[in-house]
Amino acid sequence: MNKWYEEVDNKKDVIISSRVRLARNIKKYPFAAKLGREGAEQLIENVKEVFFAQSEQAKKFYEYYDIGELNSVEKMAMVERHAISPMLINKTDKTGLIMSKDETMSIMINEEDHLRIQSIASGMDIEKALDYANKIDDLLEEQLAYAFDDQFGYLTSCPTNVGTGLRASYMLHTPALESTGKLQIILEAMSKFGVSVRGIYGEGSQGEGSVFQVSNQKSIGQSESDIIENLNSIVKQIADQERKLREKLFTENREKMEDTCFRAYGILKYAREISSKEAVALLSDLKLGAEMGIIKIKDEKPLNVYELFLAIQPANLQKMSGLSLSIEERDISRANYIRKNLPKIV
């Protein structure tokens, strides 16, 4: 079964993926800060029983992971693939994960809230992600009474999630806006419209390879449809500006852009050692070149830059190799992996 990030979609030029997370707490349990280890264990068993008892489909397409039983590499590999949050692996109380085999759907148990229902879709398809998340949410709510207030909506540990409990986000690739300094101007203006920008791994992280997350800031006082409509409007404007700026830069200095993209391909194709930071920056240039028609694929193997981007992260590299690698060994392994998986170009 293919993972969501393995899909090749020519429309994913600026908008890489769509994600929805629903924060929920179960009424009969104390909130996470006062839950304790015994309560956390009981809650996990309760959620597992309810979820997997619903249908044979659930048992067939979903798996449960005890986060505490995973080693550090396995946990970080999940974080790198956006299957779980950094917070989930750093909790001292027992935490769990129910995840679909294609990694499009997951339920983080005992993160900041009792439940974080997450759905990811490839490209700009936030409505699809929301629909999937709502179906899982409805399934659980049939058996689990949520902490809910008629005035405030769903009650959560963080006030910014009270209300719908919805955090919708897009992963964007904006190299033209970033390189010209225009991205910072946009970011400063976005907070006025209830939208925030974070790094690739969420709050506190940095943007890598010109990839950023754009999401709604609050969920109270708005319906789910209002949140999605507002976010869609802003993201479409950013994407349009990025595309127009790419064309402008290409028209004004075609040779420079071509040189940048072909240099990126050359280094990636022939390097014997490469750091994660350098590889991600070069993959960003390669992705831009492919989408601008500068880099043309010669053979039948499609170019999925974002899949490469995830595969070469430190933990996922070690998971693939089955070995604990030093930094130098990872740099060598990363270069080998990229050389083997880059398609030939014209």
C-alpha atoms as a PDB file:
ATOM      1  CA  MET A   1       0.000   0.000   0.000  1.00  0.00           C
ATOM      2  CA  ASN A   2       1.495   3.318  -1.091  1.00  0.00           C
ATOM      3  CA  LYS A   3       2.037   6.076   1.464  1.00  0.00           C
ATOM      4  CA  TRP A   4       0.518   9.511   0.814  1.00  0.00           C
ATOM      5  CA  TYR A   5       3.935  11.058   0.165  1.00  0.00           C
ATOM      6  CA  GLU A   6       4.721   8.427  -2.477  1.00  0.00           C
ATOM      7  CA  GLU A   7       2.011   9.787  -4.787  1.00  0.00           C
ATOM      8  CA  VAL A   8       3.306  11.679  -7.815  1.00  0.00           C
ATOM      9  CA  ASP A   9       1.099  14.668  -8.623  1.00  0.00           C
ATOM     10  CA  ASN A  10       2.087  17.403 -11.075  1.00  0.00           C
ATOM     11  CA  LYS A  11      -0.233  19.798  -9.238  1.00  0.00           C
ATOM     12  CA  LYS A  12       1.933  19.662  -6.100  1.00  0.00           C
ATOM     13  CA  ASP A  13       4.190  22.465  -7.324  1.00  0.00           C
ATOM     14  CA  VAL A  14       3.671  24.866  -4.408  1.00  0.00           C
ATOM     15  CA  ILE A  15       1.219  23.011  -2.180  1.00  0.00           C
ATOM     16  CA  ILE A  16       2.771  19.726  -1.103  1.00  0.00           C
ATOM     17  CA  SER A  17       0.157  18.435   1.299  1.00  0.00           C
ATOM     18  CA  SER A  18      -2.974  19.200   3.306  1.00  0.00           C
ATOM     19  CA  ARG A  19      -3.400  18.222   6.935  1.00  0.00           C
ATOM     20  CA  VAL A  20      -6.225  18.337   9.470  1.00  0.00           C
ATOM     21  CA  ARG A  21      -5.944  17.680  13.197  1.00  0.00           C
ATOM     22  CA  LEU A  22      -8.876  17.493  15.612  1.00  0.00           C
ATOM     23  CA  ALA A  23      -8.161  17.916  19.332  1.00  0.00           C
ATOM     24  CA  ARG A  24     -10.513  15.950  21.574  1.00  0.00           C
ATOM     25  CA  ASN A  25     -10.699  15.018  25.258  1.00  0.00           C
ATOM     26  CA  ILE A  26     -12.784  12.266  26.823  1.00  0.00           C
ATOM     27  CA  LYS A  27     -15.145  13.543  29.484  1.00  0.00           C
ATOM     28  CA  LYS A  28     -14.629  10.828  32.096  1.00  0.00           C
ATOM     29  CA  TYR A  29     -10.833  11.276  32.273  1.00  0.00           C
ATOM     30  CA  PRO A  30      -8.855  14.211  33.734  1.00  0.00           C
ATOM     31  CA  PHE A  31      -7.043  16.362  31.200  1.00  0.00           C
ATOM     32  CA  ALA A  32      -3.525  15.281  30.243  1.00  0.00           C
ATOM     33  CA  ALA A  33      -1.730  17.388  32.884  1.00  0.00           C
ATOM     34  CA  LYS A  34      -3.529  15.506  35.690  1.00  0.00           C
ATOM     35  CA  LEU A  35      -4.172  12.165  34.018  1.00  0.00           C
ATOM     36  CA  GLY A  36      -1.218  10.218  35.476  1.00  0.00           C
ATOM     37  CA  ARG A  37       0.288   6.974  34.180  1.00  0.00           C
ATOM     38  CA  GLU A  38      -2.510   4.690  35.350  1.00  0.00           C
ATOM     39  CA  GLY A  39      -5.160   6.958  33.831  1.00  0.00           C
ATOM     40  CA  ALA A  40      -3.157   7.194  30.606  1.00  0.00           C
ATOM     41  CA  GLU A  41      -3.007   3.402  30.326  1.00  0.00           C
ATOM     42  CA  GLN A  42      -6.734   3.047  30.963  1.00  0.00           C
ATOM     43  CA  LEU A  43      -7.538   5.722  28.389  1.00  0.00           C
ATOM     44  CA  ILE A  44      -5.421   4.023  25.727  1.00  0.00           C
ATOM     45  CA  GLU A  45      -7.103   0.675  26.278  1.00  0.00           C
ATOM     46  CA  ASN A  46     -10.501   2.343  26.166  1.00  0.00           C
ATOM     47  CA  VAL A  47      -9.762   4.069  22.829  1.00  0.00           C
ATOM     48  CA  LYS A  48      -8.236   0.931  21.279  1.00  0.00           C
ATOM     49  CA  GLU A  49     -11.227  -1.160  22.276  1.00  0.00           C
ATOM     50  CA  VAL A  50     -13.718   1.336  20.848  1.00  0.00           C
ATOM     51  CA  PHE A  51     -11.814   1.895  17.604  1.00  0.00           C
ATOM     52  CA  PHE A  52     -10.951  -1.668  16.660  1.00  0.00           C
ATOM     53  CA  ALA A  53     -14.345  -3.044  17.694  1.00  0.00           C
ATOM     54  CA  GLN A  54     -16.097  -0.910  15.071  1.00  0.00           C
ATOM     55  CA  SER A  55     -15.346  -3.041  12.026  1.00  0.00           C
ATOM     56  CA  GLU A  56     -13.060  -5.614  10.421  1.00  0.00           C
ATOM     57  CA  GLN A  57     -11.841  -2.828   8.144  1.00  0.00           C
ATOM     58  CA  ALA A  58     -10.259  -1.108  11.118  1.00  0.00           C
ATOM     59  CA  LYS A  59      -8.299  -4.250  12.016  1.00  0.00           C
ATOM     60  CA  LYS A  60      -7.232  -4.703   8.395  1.00  0.00           C
ATOM     61  CA  PHE A  61      -6.073  -1.188   7.543  1.00  0.00           C
ATOM     62  CA  TYR A  62      -4.936   0.216  10.903  1.00  0.00           C
ATOM     63  CA  GLU A  63      -2.213  -0.713  13.376  1.00  0.00           C
ATOM     64  CA  TYR A  64      -1.598   0.225  16.991  1.00  0.00           C
ATOM     65  CA  TYR A  65       1.828   1.365  18.225  1.00  0.00           C
ATOM     66  CA  ASP A  66       2.892   1.630  21.854  1.00  0.00           C
ATOM     67  CA  ILE A  67       5.164   4.669  21.569  1.00  0.00           C
ATOM     68  CA  GLY A  68       7.129   3.682  24.670  1.00  0.00           C
ATOM     69  CA  GLU A  69       8.100   0.362  23.091  1.00  0.00           C
ATOM     70  CA  LEU A  70       9.560   1.957  19.953  1.00  0.00           C
ATOM     71  CA  ASN A  71      13.263   2.760  19.873  1.00  0.00           C
ATOM     72  CA  SER A  72      14.474   6.335  19.394  1.00  0.00           C
ATOM     73  CA  VAL A  73      15.113   5.885  15.656  1.00  0.00           C
ATOM     74  CA  GLU A  74      11.641   4.463  15.002  1.00  0.00           C
ATOM     75  CA  LYS A  75      10.017   7.322  16.905  1.00  0.00           C
ATOM     76  CA  MET A  76      12.018  10.039  15.177  1.00  0.00           C
ATOM     77  CA  ALA A  77      11.358   8.433  11.778  1.00  0.00           C
ATOM     78  CA  MET A  78       7.611   8.834  12.437  1.00  0.00           C
ATOM     79  CA  VAL A  79       8.135  12.469  13.400  1.00  0.00           C
ATOM     80  CA  GLU A  80      10.114  13.086  10.215  1.00  0.00           C
ATOM     81  CA  ARG A  81       7.255  11.629   8.154  1.00  0.00           C
ATOM     82  CA  HIS A  82       4.729  13.806  10.054  1.00  0.00           C
ATOM     83  CA  ALA A  83       2.895  10.729  11.332  1.00  0.00           C
ATOM     84  CA  ILE A  84       3.281  11.921  14.934  1.00  0.00           C
ATOM     85  CA  SER A  85       4.279  15.113  16.719  1.00  0.00           C
ATOM     86  CA  PRO A  86       7.532  15.674  18.647  1.00  0.00           C
ATOM     87  CA  MET A  87       5.420  16.181  21.773  1.00  0.00           C
ATOM     88  CA  LEU A  88       4.052  12.629  21.635  1.00  0.00           C
ATOM     89  CA  ILE A  89       7.490  11.012  21.890  1.00  0.00           C
ATOM     90  CA  ASN A  90       8.593  13.322  24.717  1.00  0.00           C
ATOM     91  CA  LYS A  91       5.704  12.624  27.086  1.00  0.00           C
ATOM     92  CA  THR A  92       6.596  10.751  30.289  1.00  0.00           C
ATOM     93  CA  ASP A  93       3.117   9.216  30.629  1.00  0.00           C
ATOM     94  CA  LYS A  94       2.129   6.309  28.415  1.00  0.00           C
ATOM     95  CA  THR A  95       1.285   7.323  24.850  1.00  0.00           C
ATOM     96  CA  GLY A  96      -0.068   5.413  21.868  1.00  0.00           C
ATOM     97  CA  LEU A  97      -0.768   5.711  18.175  1.00  0.00           C
ATOM     98  CA  ILE A  98      -3.396   4.201  15.893  1.00  0.00           C
ATOM     99  CA  MET A  99      -2.337   4.696  12.277  1.00  0.00           C
ATOM    100  CA  SER A 100      -3.492   3.577   8.856  1.00  0.00           C
ATOM    101  CA  LYS A 101      -0.984   1.595   6.833  1.00  0.00           C
ATOM    102  CA  ASP A 102      -0.758   4.344   4.201  1.00  0.00           C
ATOM    103  CA  GLU A 103      -0.128   6.897   6.994  1.00  0.00           C
ATOM    104  CA  THR A 104      -2.942   9.169   5.836  1.00  0.00           C
ATOM    105  CA  MET A 105      -4.901   8.740   9.084  1.00  0.00           C
ATOM    106  CA  SER A 106      -3.648   8.603  12.656  1.00  0.00           C
ATOM    107  CA  ILE A 107      -4.910   9.017  16.186  1.00  0.00           C
ATOM    108  CA  MET A 108      -2.314  10.211  18.680  1.00  0.00           C
ATOM    109  CA  ILE A 109      -3.359   9.184  22.183  1.00  0.00           C
ATOM    110  CA  ASN A 110      -2.251  11.166  25.255  1.00  0.00           C
ATOM    111  CA  GLU A 111      -0.419  13.925  23.425  1.00  0.00           C
ATOM    112  CA  GLU A 112      -1.333  17.470  24.604  1.00  0.00           C
ATOM    113  CA  ASP A 113      -4.958  16.286  24.560  1.00  0.00           C
ATOM    114  CA  HIS A 114      -6.374  12.789  24.997  1.00  0.00           C
ATOM    115  CA  LEU A 115      -6.857  12.460  21.241  1.00  0.00           C
ATOM    116  CA  ARG A 116      -5.319  14.143  18.230  1.00  0.00           C
ATOM    117  CA  ILE A 117      -7.092  12.827  15.151  1.00  0.00           C
ATOM    118  CA  GLN A 118      -4.934  13.583  12.122  1.00  0.00           C
ATOM    119  CA  SER A 119      -5.563  13.201   8.406  1.00  0.00           C
ATOM    120  CA  ILE A 120      -3.128  14.028   5.591  1.00  0.00           C
ATOM    121  CA  ALA A 121      -3.880  14.340   1.882  1.00  0.00           C
ATOM    122  CA  SER A 122      -1.455  14.905  -0.959  1.00  0.00           C
ATOM    123  CA  GLY A 123      -1.539  18.304  -2.677  1.00  0.00           C
ATOM    124  CA  MET A 124      -4.296  20.866  -2.065  1.00  0.00           C
ATOM    125  CA  ASP A 125      -7.137  18.713  -0.815  1.00  0.00           C
ATOM    126  CA  ILE A 126      -7.956  19.925   2.692  1.00  0.00           C
ATOM    127  CA  GLU A 127     -11.636  19.029   2.257  1.00  0.00           C
ATOM    128  CA  LYS A 128     -10.687  15.378   1.700  1.00  0.00           C
ATOM    129  CA  ALA A 129      -8.496  15.407   4.807  1.00  0.00           C
ATOM    130  CA  LEU A 130     -11.274  16.993   6.874  1.00  0.00           C
ATOM    131  CA  ASP A 131     -13.838  14.482   5.626  1.00  0.00           C
ATOM    132  CA  TYR A 132     -11.643  11.543   6.668  1.00  0.00           C
ATOM    133  CA  ALA A 133     -10.874  13.072  10.055  1.00  0.00           C
ATOM    134  CA  ASN A 134     -14.549  13.787  10.724  1.00  0.00           C
ATOM    135  CA  LYS A 135     -15.500  10.191   9.917  1.00  0.00           C
ATOM    136  CA  ILE A 136     -13.022   8.873  12.490  1.00  0.00           C
ATOM    137  CA  ASP A 137     -14.163  11.545  14.944  1.00  0.00           C
ATOM    138  CA  ASP A 138     -17.826  10.543  14.523  1.00  0.00           C
ATOM    139  CA  LEU A 139     -16.958   6.881  14.930  1.00  0.00           C
ATOM    140  CA  LEU A 140     -15.231   7.528  18.255  1.00  0.00           C
ATOM    141  CA  GLU A 141     -17.819   9.981  19.524  1.00  0.00           C
ATOM    142  CA  GLU A 142     -20.520   7.329  19.202  1.00  0.00           C
ATOM    143  CA  GLN A 143     -18.880   5.440  22.071  1.00  0.00           C
ATOM    144  CA  LEU A 144     -16.758   8.055  23.855  1.00  0.00           C
ATOM    145  CA  ALA A 145     -18.381  11.105  25.471  1.00  0.00           C
ATOM    146  CA  TYR A 146     -16.181  14.100  24.676  1.00  0.00           C
ATOM    147  CA  ALA A 147     -15.519  17.081  26.958  1.00  0.00           C
ATOM    148  CA  PHE A 148     -17.851  19.607  25.348  1.00  0.00           C
ATOM    149  CA  ASP A 149     -19.465  22.882  26.390  1.00  0.00           C
ATOM    150  CA  ASP A 150     -22.546  24.322  24.673  1.00  0.00           C
ATOM    151  CA  GLN A 151     -21.032  27.819  24.722  1.00  0.00           C
ATOM    152  CA  PHE A 152     -17.356  27.151  24.041  1.00  0.00           C
ATOM    153  CA  GLY A 153     -17.450  23.907  22.033  1.00  0.00           C
ATOM    154  CA  TYR A 154     -14.851  21.138  22.437  1.00  0.00           C
ATOM    155  CA  LEU A 155     -12.691  21.705  25.520  1.00  0.00           C
ATOM    156  CA  THR A 156      -8.945  21.341  25.083  1.00  0.00           C
ATOM    157  CA  SER A 157      -5.716  21.714  27.059  1.00  0.00           C
ATOM    158  CA  CYS A 158      -4.607  24.745  25.016  1.00  0.00           C
ATOM    159  CA  PRO A 159      -7.090  27.660  24.747  1.00  0.00           C
ATOM    160  CA  THR A 160      -6.246  28.166  21.049  1.00  0.00           C
ATOM    161  CA  ASN A 161      -7.801  24.773  20.256  1.00  0.00           C
ATOM    162  CA  VAL A 162     -11.065  25.331  22.142  1.00  0.00           C
ATOM    163  CA  GLY A 163     -14.129  25.463  19.901  1.00  0.00           C
ATOM    164  CA  THR A 164     -14.005  23.226  16.864  1.00  0.00           C
ATOM    165  CA  GLY A 165     -10.645  21.788  18.001  1.00  0.00           C
ATOM    166  CA  LEU A 166      -9.618  22.040  14.348  1.00  0.00           C
ATOM    167  CA  ARG A 167      -6.085  22.833  13.217  1.00  0.00           C
ATOM    168  CA  ALA A 168      -5.944  22.820   9.417  1.00  0.00           C
ATOM    169  CA  SER A 169      -2.627  23.309   7.641  1.00  0.00           C
ATOM    170  CA  TYR A 170      -0.912  23.236   4.292  1.00  0.00           C
ATOM    171  CA  MET A 171       2.718  22.347   3.552  1.00  0.00           C
ATOM    172  CA  LEU A 172       4.041  24.875   1.039  1.00  0.00           C
ATOM    173  CA  HIS A 173       7.196  25.037  -1.087  1.00  0.00           C
ATOM    174  CA  THR A 174       7.994  28.717  -1.713  1.00  0.00           C
ATOM    175  CA  PRO A 175      11.603  29.092  -2.951  1.00  0.00           C
ATOM    176  CA  ALA A 176      10.957  32.179  -5.119  1.00  0.00           C
ATOM    177  CA  LEU A 177       9.227  34.115  -2.346  1.00  0.00           C
ATOM    178  CA  GLU A 178      11.893  33.149   0.170  1.00  0.00           C
ATOM    179  CA  SER A 179      14.896  33.944  -2.042  1.00  0.00           C
ATOM    180  CA  THR A 180      13.578  37.422  -2.877  1.00  0.00           C
ATOM    181  CA  GLY A 181      12.703  38.299   0.729  1.00  0.00           C
ATOM    182  CA  LYS A 182       9.011  38.646  -0.059  1.00  0.00           C
ATOM    183  CA  LEU A 183       8.026  35.672   2.070  1.00  0.00           C
ATOM    184  CA  GLN A 184       8.901  37.528   5.277  1.00  0.00           C
ATOM    185  CA  ILE A 185       6.621  40.410   4.293  1.00  0.00           C
ATOM    186  CA  ILE A 186       3.776  37.973   3.692  1.00  0.00           C
ATOM    187  CA  LEU A 187       4.385  36.202   6.982  1.00  0.00           C
ATOM    188  CA  GLU A 188       4.227  39.435   8.953  1.00  0.00           C
ATOM    189  CA  ALA A 189       0.869  40.271   7.393  1.00  0.00           C
ATOM    190  CA  MET A 190      -0.692  36.826   7.766  1.00  0.00           C
ATOM    191  CA  SER A 191      -1.261  36.974  11.525  1.00  0.00           C
ATOM    192  CA  LYS A 192      -3.837  39.720  10.958  1.00  0.00           C
ATOM    193  CA  PHE A 193      -5.960  37.184   9.096  1.00  0.00           C
ATOM    194  CA  GLY A 194      -5.841  34.467  11.768  1.00  0.00           C
ATOM    195  CA  VAL A 195      -3.163  32.389  10.066  1.00  0.00           C
ATOM    196  CA  SER A 196       0.269  31.391  11.376  1.00  0.00           C
ATOM    197  CA  VAL A 197       3.393  30.009   9.727  1.00  0.00           C
ATOM    198  CA  ARG A 198       5.620  27.359  11.286  1.00  0.00           C
ATOM    199  CA  GLY A 199       8.611  25.302  10.254  1.00  0.00           C
ATOM    200  CA  ILE A 200       8.373  21.928   8.601  1.00  0.00           C
ATOM    201  CA  TYR A 201       7.896  20.050  11.912  1.00  0.00           C
ATOM    202  CA  GLY A 202       5.458  22.484  13.471  1.00  0.00           C
ATOM    203  CA  GLU A 203       5.776  24.953  16.314  1.00  0.00           C
ATOM    204  CA  GLY A 204       9.344  25.840  17.239  1.00  0.00           C
ATOM    205  CA  SER A 205      10.877  24.269  14.122  1.00  0.00           C
ATOM    206  CA  GLN A 206      12.526  26.022  11.199  1.00  0.00           C
ATOM    207  CA  GLY A 207      11.676  26.019   7.512  1.00  0.00           C
ATOM    208  CA  GLU A 208      13.920  23.673   5.527  1.00  0.00           C
ATOM    209  CA  GLY A 209      14.348  23.679   1.770  1.00  0.00           C
ATOM    210  CA  SER A 210      11.874  26.582   1.503  1.00  0.00           C
ATOM    211  CA  VAL A 211       9.135  24.343   2.950  1.00  0.00           C
ATOM    212  CA  PHE A 212       6.757  25.809   5.546  1.00  0.00           C
ATOM    213  CA  GLN A 213       3.446  24.996   7.249  1.00  0.00           C
ATOM    214  CA  VAL A 214       0.577  27.485   7.116  1.00  0.00           C
ATOM    215  CA  SER A 215      -2.325  26.919   9.529  1.00  0.00           C
ATOM    216  CA  ASN A 216      -5.214  28.591  11.328  1.00  0.00           C
ATOM    217  CA  GLN A 217      -4.337  30.245  14.657  1.00  0.00           C
ATOM    218  CA  LYS A 218      -7.533  29.595  16.607  1.00  0.00           C
ATOM    219  CA  SER A 219     -10.618  27.446  16.378  1.00  0.00           C
ATOM    220  CA  ILE A 220     -13.142  29.212  18.643  1.00  0.00           C
ATOM    221  CA  GLY A 221     -15.842  31.478  17.264  1.00  0.00           C
ATOM    222  CA  GLN A 222     -15.628  29.951  13.783  1.00  0.00           C
ATOM    223  CA  SER A 223     -17.170  26.931  12.126  1.00  0.00           C
ATOM    224  CA  GLU A 224     -15.020  24.291  10.445  1.00  0.00           C
ATOM    225  CA  SER A 225     -16.124  25.534   7.029  1.00  0.00           C
ATOM    226  CA  ASP A 226     -15.211  29.136   7.922  1.00  0.00           C
ATOM    227  CA  ILE A 227     -11.732  28.070   9.048  1.00  0.00           C
ATOM    228  CA  ILE A 228     -11.155  26.059   5.868  1.00  0.00           C
ATOM    229  CA  GLU A 229     -12.505  28.817   3.606  1.00  0.00           C
ATOM    230  CA  ASN A 230     -10.257  31.450   5.187  1.00  0.00           C
ATOM    231  CA  LEU A 231      -7.171  29.230   5.044  1.00  0.00           C
ATOM    232  CA  ASN A 232      -7.863  28.212   1.437  1.00  0.00           C
ATOM    233  CA  SER A 233      -8.197  31.836   0.368  1.00  0.00           C
ATOM    234  CA  ILE A 234      -4.862  32.834   1.901  1.00  0.00           C
ATOM    235  CA  VAL A 235      -2.967  29.764   0.694  1.00  0.00           C
ATOM    236  CA  LYS A 236      -4.253  30.218  -2.865  1.00  0.00           C
ATOM    237  CA  GLN A 237      -2.969  33.799  -2.820  1.00  0.00           C
ATOM    238  CA  ILE A 238       0.463  32.687  -1.588  1.00  0.00           C
ATOM    239  CA  ALA A 239       0.611  29.934  -4.214  1.00  0.00           C
ATOM    240  CA  ASP A 240      -0.389  32.362  -6.979  1.00  0.00           C
ATOM    241  CA  GLN A 241       2.275  34.863  -5.899  1.00  0.00           C
ATOM    242  CA  GLU A 242       4.917  32.117  -5.786  1.00  0.00           C
ATOM    243  CA  ARG A 243       4.045  30.897  -9.286  1.00  0.00           C
ATOM    244  CA  LYS A 244       4.029  34.411 -10.763  1.00  0.00           C
ATOM    245  CA  LEU A 245       7.346  35.234  -9.116  1.00  0.00           C
ATOM    246  CA  ARG A 246       8.900  32.025 -10.443  1.00  0.00           C
ATOM    247  CA  GLU A 247       7.908  33.003 -13.981  1.00  0.00           C
ATOM    248  CA  LYS A 248       9.221  36.541 -13.469  1.00  0.00           C
ATOM    249  CA  LEU A 249      12.604  35.324 -12.190  1.00  0.00           C
ATOM    250  CA  PHE A 250      12.856  32.825 -15.038  1.00  0.00           C
ATOM    251  CA  THR A 251      12.054  35.475 -17.658  1.00  0.00           C
ATOM    252  CA  GLU A 252      14.487  38.019 -16.212  1.00  0.00           C
ATOM    253  CA  ASN A 253      17.412  35.673 -15.588  1.00  0.00           C
ATOM    254  CA  ARG A 254      16.854  32.346 -17.263  1.00  0.00           C
ATOM    255  CA  GLU A 255      20.529  31.340 -17.285  1.00  0.00           C
ATOM    256  CA  LYS A 256      20.930  31.862 -13.561  1.00  0.00           C
ATOM    257  CA  MET A 257      17.880  29.765 -12.696  1.00  0.00           C
ATOM    258  CA  GLU A 258      18.918  27.009 -15.111  1.00  0.00           C
ATOM    259  CA  ASP A 259      22.439  27.026 -13.656  1.00  0.00           C
ATOM    260  CA  THR A 260      21.097  26.729 -10.113  1.00  0.00           C
ATOM    261  CA  CYS A 261      18.818  23.812 -10.992  1.00  0.00           C
ATOM    262  CA  PHE A 262      21.369  21.862 -13.042  1.00  0.00           C
ATOM    263  CA  ARG A 263      24.076  22.427 -10.421  1.00  0.00           C
ATOM    264  CA  ALA A 264      21.677  20.991  -7.831  1.00  0.00           C
ATOM    265  CA  TYR A 265      21.068  17.919  -9.973  1.00  0.00           C
ATOM    266  CA  GLY A 266      24.787  17.464 -10.636  1.00  0.00           C
ATOM    267  CA  ILE A 267      25.768  17.602  -6.972  1.00  0.00           C
ATOM    268  CA  LEU A 268      22.940  15.301  -5.918  1.00  0.00           C
ATOM    269  CA  LYS A 269      23.736  12.835  -8.701  1.00  0.00           C
ATOM    270  CA  TYR A 270      27.471  12.566  -8.073  1.00  0.00           C
ATOM    271  CA  ALA A 271      28.152  13.531  -4.440  1.00  0.00           C
ATOM    272  CA  ARG A 272      29.635  10.813  -2.228  1.00  0.00           C
ATOM    273  CA  GLU A 273      28.868  12.561   1.058  1.00  0.00           C
ATOM    274  CA  ILE A 274      26.147  15.109   1.724  1.00  0.00           C
ATOM    275  CA  SER A 275      24.605  16.595   4.865  1.00  0.00           C
ATOM    276  CA  SER A 276      20.883  16.717   5.460  1.00  0.00           C
ATOM    277  CA  LYS A 277      20.847  20.524   5.307  1.00  0.00           C
ATOM    278  CA  GLU A 278      22.688  20.678   1.962  1.00  0.00           C
ATOM    279  CA  ALA A 279      20.666  17.850   0.431  1.00  0.00           C
ATOM    280  CA  VAL A 280      17.352  19.448   1.365  1.00  0.00           C
ATOM    281  CA  ALA A 281      18.425  22.805  -0.103  1.00  0.00           C
ATOM    282  CA  LEU A 282      19.527  21.136  -3.353  1.00  0.00           C
ATOM    283  CA  LEU A 283      16.332  19.074  -3.550  1.00  0.00           C
ATOM    284  CA  SER A 284      14.386  22.323  -3.220  1.00  0.00           C
ATOM    285  CA  ASP A 285      16.257  23.700  -6.260  1.00  0.00           C
ATOM    286  CA  LEU A 286      15.674  20.437  -8.127  1.00  0.00           C
ATOM    287  CA  LYS A 287      11.951  20.488  -7.354  1.00  0.00           C
ATOM    288  CA  LEU A 288      11.741  24.053  -8.641  1.00  0.00           C
ATOM    289  CA  GLY A 289      13.636  23.114 -11.807  1.00  0.00           C
ATOM    290  CA  ALA A 290      11.368  20.156 -12.540  1.00  0.00           C
ATOM    291  CA  GLU A 291       8.222  22.226 -12.039  1.00  0.00           C
ATOM    292  CA  MET A 292       9.519  25.049 -14.249  1.00  0.00           C
ATOM    293  CA  GLY A 293      10.333  22.604 -17.049  1.00  0.00           C
ATOM    294  CA  ILE A 294      14.060  23.220 -16.711  1.00  0.00           C
ATOM    295  CA  ILE A 295      14.775  19.680 -15.519  1.00  0.00           C
ATOM    296  CA  LYS A 296      13.237  17.136 -17.899  1.00  0.00           C
ATOM    297  CA  ILE A 297      13.058  13.478 -16.946  1.00  0.00           C
ATOM    298  CA  LYS A 298      14.586  11.118 -19.520  1.00  0.00           C
ATOM    299  CA  ASP A 299      13.386   7.720 -18.292  1.00  0.00           C
ATOM    300  CA  GLU A 300      10.037   6.436 -17.090  1.00  0.00           C
ATOM    301  CA  LYS A 301      10.817   6.772 -13.393  1.00  0.00           C
ATOM    302  CA  PRO A 302       8.851   9.743 -12.010  1.00  0.00           C
ATOM    303  CA  LEU A 303      10.549  12.412  -9.925  1.00  0.00           C
ATOM    304  CA  ASN A 304       9.021  12.678  -6.465  1.00  0.00           C
ATOM    305  CA  VAL A 305      11.246  15.167  -4.697  1.00  0.00           C
ATOM    306  CA  TYR A 306       9.252  15.255  -1.456  1.00  0.00           C
ATOM    307  CA  GLU A 307       9.494  11.472  -1.057  1.00  0.00           C
ATOM    308  CA  LEU A 308      13.277  11.828  -1.358  1.00  0.00           C
ATOM    309  CA  PHE A 309      13.140  14.720   1.084  1.00  0.00           C
ATOM    310  CA  LEU A 310      11.564  12.497   3.755  1.00  0.00           C
ATOM    311  CA  ALA A 311      13.657   9.415   3.019  1.00  0.00           C
ATOM    312  CA  ILE A 312      16.988  11.176   3.569  1.00  0.00           C
ATOM    313  CA  GLN A 313      16.138  12.545   7.006  1.00  0.00           C
ATOM    314  CA  PRO A 314      18.503  11.136   9.685  1.00  0.00           C
ATOM    315  CA  ALA A 315      16.127   8.720  11.429  1.00  0.00           C
ATOM    316  CA  ASN A 316      14.513   7.400   8.249  1.00  0.00           C
ATOM    317  CA  LEU A 317      17.952   6.748   6.751  1.00  0.00           C
ATOM    318  CA  GLN A 318      18.918   4.689   9.796  1.00  0.00           C
ATOM    319  CA  LYS A 319      15.579   2.887   9.797  1.00  0.00           C
ATOM    320  CA  MET A 320      16.091   1.840   6.162  1.00  0.00           C
ATOM    321  CA  SER A 321      19.637   0.644   6.820  1.00  0.00           C
ATOM    322  CA  GLY A 322      18.734  -1.125  10.067  1.00  0.00           C
ATOM    323  CA  LEU A 323      21.903   0.338  11.603  1.00  0.00           C
ATOM    324  CA  SER A 324      22.831   3.048  14.046  1.00  0.00           C
ATOM    325  CA  LEU A 325      24.878   5.424  11.889  1.00  0.00           C
ATOM    326  CA  SER A 326      27.292   8.185  12.833  1.00  0.00           C
ATOM    327  CA  ILE A 327      26.859  11.613  11.242  1.00  0.00           C
ATOM    328  CA  GLU A 328      29.552  10.832   8.659  1.00  0.00           C
ATOM    329  CA  GLU A 329      28.005   7.446   7.892  1.00  0.00           C
ATOM    330  CA  ARG A 330      24.603   9.103   7.448  1.00  0.00           C
ATOM    331  CA  ASP A 331      26.106  11.621   5.032  1.00  0.00           C
ATOM    332  CA  ILE A 332      27.557   8.778   2.954  1.00  0.00           C
ATOM    333  CA  SER A 333      24.343   6.744   3.126  1.00  0.00           C
ATOM    334  CA  ARG A 334      22.292   9.802   2.161  1.00  0.00           C
ATOM    335  CA  ALA A 335      24.444  10.466  -0.919  1.00  0.00           C
ATOM    336  CA  ASN A 336      24.209   6.800  -1.957  1.00  0.00           C
ATOM    337  CA  TYR A 337      20.430   6.775  -1.587  1.00  0.00           C
ATOM    338  CA  ILE A 338      19.974   9.960  -3.616  1.00  0.00           C
ATOM    339  CA  ARG A 339      22.263   8.760  -6.429  1.00  0.00           C
ATOM    340  CA  LYS A 340      20.334   5.503  -6.718  1.00  0.00           C
ATOM    341  CA  ASN A 341      16.933   7.170  -6.746  1.00  0.00           C
ATOM    342  CA  LEU A 342      17.446  10.207  -8.942  1.00  0.00           C
ATOM    343  CA  PRO A 343      16.004   9.620 -12.426  1.00  0.00           C
ATOM    344  CA  LYS A 344      17.989  10.361 -15.567  1.00  0.00           C
ATOM    345  CA  ILE A 345      17.387  13.689 -17.230  1.00  0.00           C
ATOM    346  CA  VAL A 346      17.510  14.970 -20.803  1.00  0.00           C
END
